[in-house]
Protein backbone atom coordinates (compact mmCIF):
# COMPACT_ATOMS: atom_id res chain seq x y z
CA MET A 1 42.23 6.94 8.56
CA ALA A 2 39.23 6.67 7.45
CA THR A 3 38.14 4.49 4.63
CA ILE A 4 35.49 5.63 1.45
CA THR A 5 33.48 3.52 -0.38
CA VAL A 6 30.59 4.47 -2.75
CA SER A 7 26.94 3.46 -2.29
CA PRO A 8 26.41 1.88 -6.08
CA GLN A 9 22.60 2.79 -5.44
CA ALA A 10 22.61 6.42 -4.16
CA ASN A 11 25.68 7.25 -5.49
CA ARG A 12 27.25 9.19 -2.55
CA VAL A 13 30.55 9.20 -0.96
CA ARG A 14 30.21 7.79 2.51
CA THR A 15 32.97 8.21 5.03
CA ASP A 16 33.81 5.25 7.86
CA THR A 17 35.48 7.50 10.19
CA THR A 18 34.91 6.95 13.73
CA MET A 19 34.73 9.65 16.58
CA ARG A 20 34.59 10.32 19.94
CA MET A 21 31.47 12.55 20.72
CA GLN A 22 30.15 13.92 24.36
CA VAL A 23 26.40 13.94 25.04
CA CYS A 24 26.25 17.97 25.60
CA GLU A 25 22.77 18.52 26.23
CA THR A 26 19.39 15.92 26.28
CA VAL A 27 15.70 17.41 25.45
CA SER A 28 12.60 15.33 25.43
CA LEU A 29 10.97 15.87 22.59
CA THR A 30 8.00 13.61 23.68
CA ALA A 31 7.30 10.87 26.40
CA SER A 32 9.26 8.61 24.10
CA THR A 33 11.41 10.50 21.55
CA LYS A 34 14.72 11.99 23.17
CA LEU A 35 17.07 14.58 21.70
CA LEU A 36 20.40 14.05 21.77
CA ARG A 37 23.23 17.11 21.01
CA LEU A 38 26.63 15.65 20.57
CA ARG A 39 29.88 17.13 20.50
CA SER A 40 33.22 16.15 19.36
CA ALA A 41 35.20 14.79 22.52
CA GLU A 42 38.16 16.13 21.26
CA GLU A 43 36.49 19.53 20.60
CA ARG A 44 37.06 18.92 16.76
CA ILE A 45 35.71 20.45 13.81
CA LEU A 46 33.24 18.33 12.57
CA PRO A 47 32.71 16.48 9.36
CA ARG A 48 30.39 18.21 6.81
CA PHE A 49 27.01 17.10 5.90
CA GLU A 50 23.87 17.43 3.96
CA VAL A 51 19.86 17.02 5.10
CA GLY A 52 19.22 13.43 4.69
CA ALA A 53 22.38 12.26 6.29
CA HIS A 54 22.55 10.15 8.92
CA ILE A 55 25.08 9.27 11.74
CA GLU A 56 26.18 5.61 13.50
CA VAL A 57 25.88 5.31 17.17
CA ASN A 58 27.57 2.17 19.14
CA VAL A 59 25.13 1.27 21.19
CA THR A 60 25.03 -1.55 23.69
CA PHE A 61 22.28 -4.25 24.20
CA PRO A 62 21.06 -5.20 27.81
CA ASP A 63 23.34 -8.71 27.34
CA GLY A 64 26.59 -6.86 26.51
CA GLN A 65 26.43 -7.13 22.92
CA GLU A 66 27.09 -3.98 20.79
CA THR A 67 26.37 -2.74 17.12
CA TRP A 68 26.20 0.52 15.46
CA ASN A 69 22.33 1.94 15.26
CA ALA A 70 21.53 4.84 12.63
CA TYR A 71 19.94 7.89 13.23
CA SER A 72 19.00 10.48 10.88
CA LEU A 73 20.56 14.16 11.79
CA ILE A 74 18.06 16.76 12.34
CA GLY A 75 20.32 20.00 13.14
CA ASP A 76 22.23 22.88 11.30
CA PRO A 77 24.34 21.49 8.33
CA ALA A 78 25.94 25.18 8.96
CA ASP A 79 26.91 24.39 12.64
CA ARG A 80 29.83 21.90 12.51
CA SER A 81 30.37 22.31 16.18
CA LEU A 82 27.18 19.95 17.16
CA PHE A 83 25.42 16.87 15.94
CA GLU A 84 21.49 16.47 17.13
CA ILE A 85 19.86 12.83 16.77
CA ALA A 86 16.12 12.34 17.92
CA VAL A 87 15.95 8.68 19.34
CA LYS A 88 12.68 6.91 19.56
CA ARG A 89 12.49 4.61 23.10
CA GLU A 90 11.36 1.14 21.44
CA GLU A 91 10.28 -1.40 23.47
CA ARG A 92 9.75 -4.44 21.77
CA GLY A 93 13.97 -3.39 19.82
CA ARG A 94 16.85 -5.18 21.20
CA GLY A 95 17.99 -2.43 23.34
CA GLY A 96 19.77 0.24 21.33
CA SER A 97 17.46 2.91 22.18
CA ARG A 98 16.99 2.14 25.46
CA TYR A 99 20.29 2.55 25.88
CA LEU A 100 20.22 5.75 24.71
CA HIS A 101 17.52 6.99 26.81
CA ASP A 102 18.39 5.03 29.87
CA ALA A 103 22.47 4.53 30.45
CA ILE A 104 23.28 7.99 28.18
CA SER A 105 23.20 11.35 29.94
CA VAL A 106 25.07 14.49 29.75
CA GLY A 107 28.37 14.12 29.98
CA GLU A 108 28.38 10.69 28.51
CA ILE A 109 30.74 9.64 25.51
CA LEU A 110 29.75 7.97 22.62
CA GLU A 111 31.53 6.36 19.44
CA VAL A 112 29.98 7.64 16.23
CA ARG A 113 30.78 6.75 12.54
CA GLY A 114 29.65 9.06 9.31
CA PRO A 115 27.78 10.88 8.70
CA THR A 116 26.62 9.55 5.59
CA ASN A 117 23.95 10.57 3.26
CA ASP A 118 22.01 7.64 1.26
CA PHE A 119 18.40 9.96 1.10
CA PRO A 120 19.71 13.68 -0.19
CA LEU A 121 17.28 16.07 -1.92
CA ASP A 122 17.03 16.51 -5.43
CA MET A 123 17.35 20.12 -5.68
CA ASP A 124 16.42 20.18 -9.63
CA ALA A 125 13.11 18.55 -8.32
CA THR A 126 10.46 20.98 -9.90
CA SER A 127 8.40 20.56 -6.65
CA HIS A 128 8.95 18.53 -3.15
CA LEU A 129 6.44 15.83 -1.66
CA LEU A 130 7.45 14.96 1.97
CA ILE A 131 5.74 11.65 3.65
CA ALA A 132 6.83 10.78 7.03
CA GLY A 133 5.67 8.00 9.42
CA GLY A 134 6.27 7.88 13.22
CA ILE A 135 10.27 8.16 14.09
CA GLY A 136 10.70 8.69 10.33
CA ILE A 137 10.56 12.20 10.59
CA THR A 138 13.62 13.11 11.54
CA PRO A 139 15.24 13.12 7.67
CA ILE A 140 11.69 14.75 6.36
CA TYR A 141 12.17 17.18 9.14
CA SER A 142 15.71 18.24 7.92
CA MET A 143 14.53 18.19 4.60
CA SER A 144 11.80 20.86 5.29
CA VAL A 145 13.71 23.18 7.27
CA GLN A 146 16.59 23.10 4.13
CA LEU A 147 13.53 24.14 1.83
CA SER A 148 12.13 26.50 4.12
CA LYS A 149 15.59 27.94 4.33
CA LEU A 150 15.88 28.26 0.50
CA LYS A 151 12.10 29.80 0.38
CA ILE A 152 10.84 26.54 -1.58
CA LYS A 153 7.37 25.76 -0.94
CA HIS A 154 6.74 22.06 -0.26
CA ARG A 155 4.11 19.74 1.00
CA VAL A 156 4.78 17.32 4.25
CA ILE A 157 2.57 14.77 5.37
CA PHE A 158 3.75 13.14 8.66
CA CYS A 159 1.49 9.99 9.61
CA ALA A 160 1.80 9.21 13.40
CA ARG A 161 -0.56 7.11 15.95
CA ASP A 162 -1.10 10.37 17.94
CA VAL A 163 -0.09 13.97 18.31
CA GLU A 164 2.02 11.85 21.78
CA ASP A 165 4.12 9.85 19.06
CA ALA A 166 4.60 13.20 16.28
CA PRO A 167 8.29 14.55 17.34
CA LEU A 168 9.06 17.90 15.83
CA LEU A 169 5.60 18.29 14.48
CA GLU A 170 5.29 21.94 16.09
CA ARG A 171 9.04 22.74 14.60
CA LEU A 172 7.53 22.15 11.36
CA ARG A 173 4.25 23.83 11.48
CA SER A 174 6.15 27.02 12.21
CA SER A 175 7.30 27.55 8.54
CA SER A 176 5.62 29.41 6.08
CA PHE A 177 6.89 27.28 3.34
CA ALA A 178 5.82 24.15 4.48
CA ASP A 179 2.25 23.02 4.00
CA VAL A 180 2.35 20.24 7.26
CA GLU A 181 -0.67 17.87 7.06
CA PHE A 182 -0.56 15.99 10.16
CA HIS A 183 -2.64 12.28 10.14
CA ALA A 184 -3.00 10.42 13.65
CA ASP A 185 -4.08 7.00 12.60
CA GLY A 186 -4.65 5.52 16.11
CA GLY A 187 -2.65 2.85 14.62
CA GLN A 188 -5.87 1.03 13.27
CA ARG A 189 -5.62 0.18 9.72
CA ASP A 190 -8.93 1.12 8.52
CA CYS A 191 -7.74 4.88 9.29
CA TYR A 192 -4.69 4.70 7.63
CA TYR A 193 -3.91 8.17 5.32
CA ASP A 194 -5.30 7.83 2.01
CA PHE A 195 -2.43 7.53 -0.18
CA ASP A 196 -4.72 6.52 -3.36
CA SER A 197 -5.77 9.72 -3.34
CA LEU A 198 -2.24 11.52 -2.50
CA LEU A 199 -0.98 10.13 -5.40
CA ARG A 200 -3.53 9.31 -8.08
CA ASP A 201 -2.23 12.11 -10.34
CA PRO A 202 1.09 12.29 -11.01
CA VAL A 203 2.86 15.45 -11.17
CA GLU A 204 5.83 15.93 -13.76
CA GLY A 205 9.27 16.68 -12.07
CA GLN A 206 8.00 16.65 -8.66
CA ARG A 207 10.41 14.41 -6.17
CA ILE A 208 8.45 11.96 -3.42
CA TYR A 209 10.77 11.48 -0.24
CA VAL A 210 9.57 9.00 2.23
CA CYS A 211 10.99 7.55 5.53
CA GLY A 212 8.76 5.46 8.16
CA PRO A 213 7.99 2.08 8.81
CA GLN A 214 8.68 -0.50 5.80
CA ALA A 215 4.78 -0.84 5.32
CA LEU A 216 4.11 2.73 4.70
CA ILE A 217 7.34 2.64 2.37
CA ARG A 218 5.97 -0.27 0.32
CA THR A 219 2.32 1.68 0.50
CA VAL A 220 3.76 4.55 -1.43
CA VAL A 221 6.14 3.02 -3.93
CA ARG A 222 3.30 0.76 -4.90
CA ILE A 223 0.58 3.05 -5.66
CA SER A 224 3.23 5.53 -7.07
CA ALA A 225 4.30 2.36 -9.64
CA ARG A 226 0.36 1.49 -10.34
CA GLN A 227 -0.49 5.41 -10.96
CA LYS A 228 2.52 5.40 -13.63
CA TRP A 229 4.39 7.96 -11.85
CA ARG A 230 7.80 8.33 -13.33
CA GLY A 231 10.65 6.34 -12.36
CA GLY A 232 12.69 7.68 -9.81
CA ALA A 233 10.06 9.82 -8.69
CA VAL A 234 9.99 8.33 -4.88
CA ARG A 235 12.87 8.40 -2.56
CA PHE A 236 12.53 6.67 0.66
CA GLU A 237 14.67 5.61 3.57
CA ASN A 238 13.13 3.19 6.22
CA PHE A 239 14.29 1.75 9.84
CA GLY A 240 13.51 -0.92 12.22
CA GLY A 241 14.38 -4.51 13.04
CA ILE A 242 11.91 -7.19 12.49
CA TYR A 243 8.60 -7.27 14.00
CA ASP A 244 5.22 -9.49 13.79
CA ALA A 245 6.74 -12.42 11.70
CA PRO A 246 4.21 -15.44 12.29
CA ASN A 247 7.33 -17.13 13.18
CA PRO A 248 9.56 -15.01 16.26
CA LYS A 249 12.10 -17.98 15.81
CA LEU A 250 14.13 -19.10 12.91
CA THR A 251 16.87 -21.54 12.29
CA VAL A 252 18.83 -20.26 9.82
CA HIS A 253 21.18 -22.59 7.51
CA LEU A 254 24.49 -21.59 6.44
CA ALA A 255 24.73 -23.75 3.24
CA LYS A 256 28.53 -22.81 2.21
CA ARG A 257 29.72 -22.81 6.05
CA SER A 258 27.72 -25.99 6.87
CA LYS A 259 26.31 -24.18 9.97
CA THR A 260 22.98 -23.61 11.54
CA ILE A 261 21.85 -20.55 13.59
CA VAL A 262 19.20 -19.66 15.42
CA VAL A 263 17.45 -16.11 15.13
CA GLU A 264 14.97 -14.70 17.09
CA GLN A 265 13.24 -11.19 15.94
CA PRO A 266 14.01 -8.54 15.90
CA GLU A 267 17.39 -9.33 15.21
CA SER A 268 17.87 -9.42 11.45
CA ILE A 269 19.53 -12.49 10.01
CA VAL A 270 22.37 -10.52 8.71
CA ASP A 271 23.11 -9.22 12.55
CA ALA A 272 22.70 -12.98 13.84
CA ILE A 273 25.02 -13.92 10.92
CA ALA A 274 27.44 -11.73 12.40
CA ARG A 275 27.10 -12.26 15.94
CA HIS A 276 28.01 -15.98 15.55
CA GLY A 277 31.60 -14.42 14.22
CA PHE A 278 31.02 -14.83 10.21
CA ASP A 279 31.37 -11.97 7.84
CA PRO A 280 28.41 -11.39 5.86
CA LEU A 281 28.27 -8.44 2.99
CA TYR A 282 25.62 -6.22 3.79
CA GLY A 283 25.85 -2.38 3.03
CA CYS A 284 22.49 -0.15 4.55
CA LYS A 285 20.35 -2.42 6.39
CA ARG A 286 17.80 -1.19 5.24
CA GLY A 287 16.63 -3.42 2.52
CA ASP A 288 17.71 -0.55 -0.30
CA CYS A 289 20.83 -1.36 -1.55
CA GLY A 290 20.55 -4.71 -2.01
CA ILE A 291 24.59 -5.62 -1.49
CA CYS A 292 23.42 -8.53 1.28
CA ALA A 293 21.01 -10.25 -1.50
CA VAL A 294 21.34 -14.11 -1.23
CA SER A 295 20.42 -17.16 -2.72
CA VAL A 296 17.40 -18.95 -1.16
CA THR A 297 18.15 -23.21 -1.51
CA SER A 298 15.30 -24.00 0.98
CA GLY A 299 12.47 -22.61 2.54
CA THR A 300 10.11 -19.33 1.79
CA PRO A 301 11.69 -16.29 2.40
CA MET A 302 8.96 -13.28 3.50
CA HIS A 303 10.11 -10.02 1.35
CA ARG A 304 10.40 -6.79 3.53
CA ASP A 305 13.25 -5.20 0.98
CA MET A 306 12.90 -2.46 -1.62
CA PHE A 307 15.53 -3.92 -4.30
CA LEU A 308 14.55 -6.93 -5.54
CA SER A 309 11.81 -6.98 -8.58
CA GLU A 310 8.70 -8.41 -7.85
CA GLU A 311 9.79 -11.44 -10.27
CA GLU A 312 12.75 -11.96 -7.88
CA LYS A 313 10.34 -12.08 -4.87
CA GLU A 314 7.58 -14.21 -6.37
CA SER A 315 10.34 -16.80 -7.50
CA GLY A 316 11.20 -17.53 -4.23
CA LYS A 317 15.08 -17.80 -5.11
CA TYR A 318 16.42 -14.46 -3.44
CA MET A 319 15.86 -12.81 -0.12
CA CYS A 320 17.69 -9.75 1.65
CA PRO A 321 18.65 -10.91 4.67
CA CYS A 322 18.97 -7.30 6.66
CA VAL A 323 15.07 -7.23 6.90
CA SER A 324 13.61 -9.98 5.02
CA TRP A 325 12.27 -12.99 7.32
CA SER A 326 10.91 -16.64 6.30
CA ALA A 327 7.41 -18.03 6.43
CA SER A 328 8.64 -21.18 7.08
CA GLU A 329 10.28 -22.19 10.36
CA GLU A 330 13.72 -22.89 8.79
CA ILE A 331 15.26 -21.33 5.88
CA THR A 332 18.63 -22.59 3.72
CA LEU A 333 20.88 -19.49 2.74
CA ASP A 334 23.88 -20.04 0.12
CA ILE A 335 26.48 -18.36 2.34
C-alpha cells in the first residue's frame, strides 16, 4: 500500500509506492551519460507526474550495500507507459551510477519508488529563467520541453566542462521557444559563468530554476539575494555526494546513542548513520528541506545545505548531515 506524506518545503504530495520496472532500452547520450527507458514489469499504467519530478531507483554498491538514488524524469508526462531517466557515470561516487551503467542492461528489473516532485514549474510566473550545471540539466530539460509545448518563450543557461559533458544540449536547442546559452568552463574557476551580470537587475514576476552542483546553486542564491530579487524567486534542486572535504574520513559521535561511527566521503553522514542500523530523520537528502537538521554539541560543521539561515550556520550549533560535513576530524551530534 502506498503511503502519502507532504514535504513541508515544497508543499507537494509524494507517493512512496515501490514498483518493479524493466529496462526496455538504453541510449548513450554522451560518453559518460546513459539514458534508461523503463516500463512496468507487470505492464501496468505508471503513476502520473509533472515536469520537475524524480523517481528513486534501488542501486547496489560494489560492497553489496543497497540504497535509493534519485533521478529526474525526462520523458513525456502524457506517456504513462514509460519512465525515462539519464544517469551520469560518477567515477568518484559510491558506485550507484556505475551499477546502472555496468550491471544493468535491457531486460533487467529495477525497484523504483515515486514519482515525487519537489521542483515544480510555477505557471503563474511572468517569465522563466532555467539554469543547469552538468547532469543537473535533466529537470531543467523537462521544464524547457513543457514550456515549449505551451509556446512560452524562456531562457536556458547550461554550464558544463565541455560539450562532451552536456547531455540533451542538441534537444534543448531544437526548440524555437527556448533561448539556449551553453557555457563551457573547462572546469576552471576563472572561466565560470558570469552570474553577477545575469542577475544584476531583478525581473518582477520571473522565476529562476537552478539544478546542478551545490556550488552553482549557492552562487545563484547568494547573488540573487544580494541583488534583492524578491523572496521565492529562486527555486533549486541539487544532487551529489560529499566531495573535496579537507578530511575525507570523519568520526561522528552520536551523543544520545553513546555510539561512534566513521564516515568516509562520498558517503553522507545520514547514510552512514542509517548503514549502522539507526533510523535518522531525513527528507530530500539534498540539503533543501531541513528535516534532518540536528544540533551540534562539539566540532565545526562545514555547511553545504540551503535550509539553515546564515545566522544558524555561523553559530556552528546546527547542521544538515544529509549534505554537510565537518571541518574538524571529529564532530558530535545530538542524535
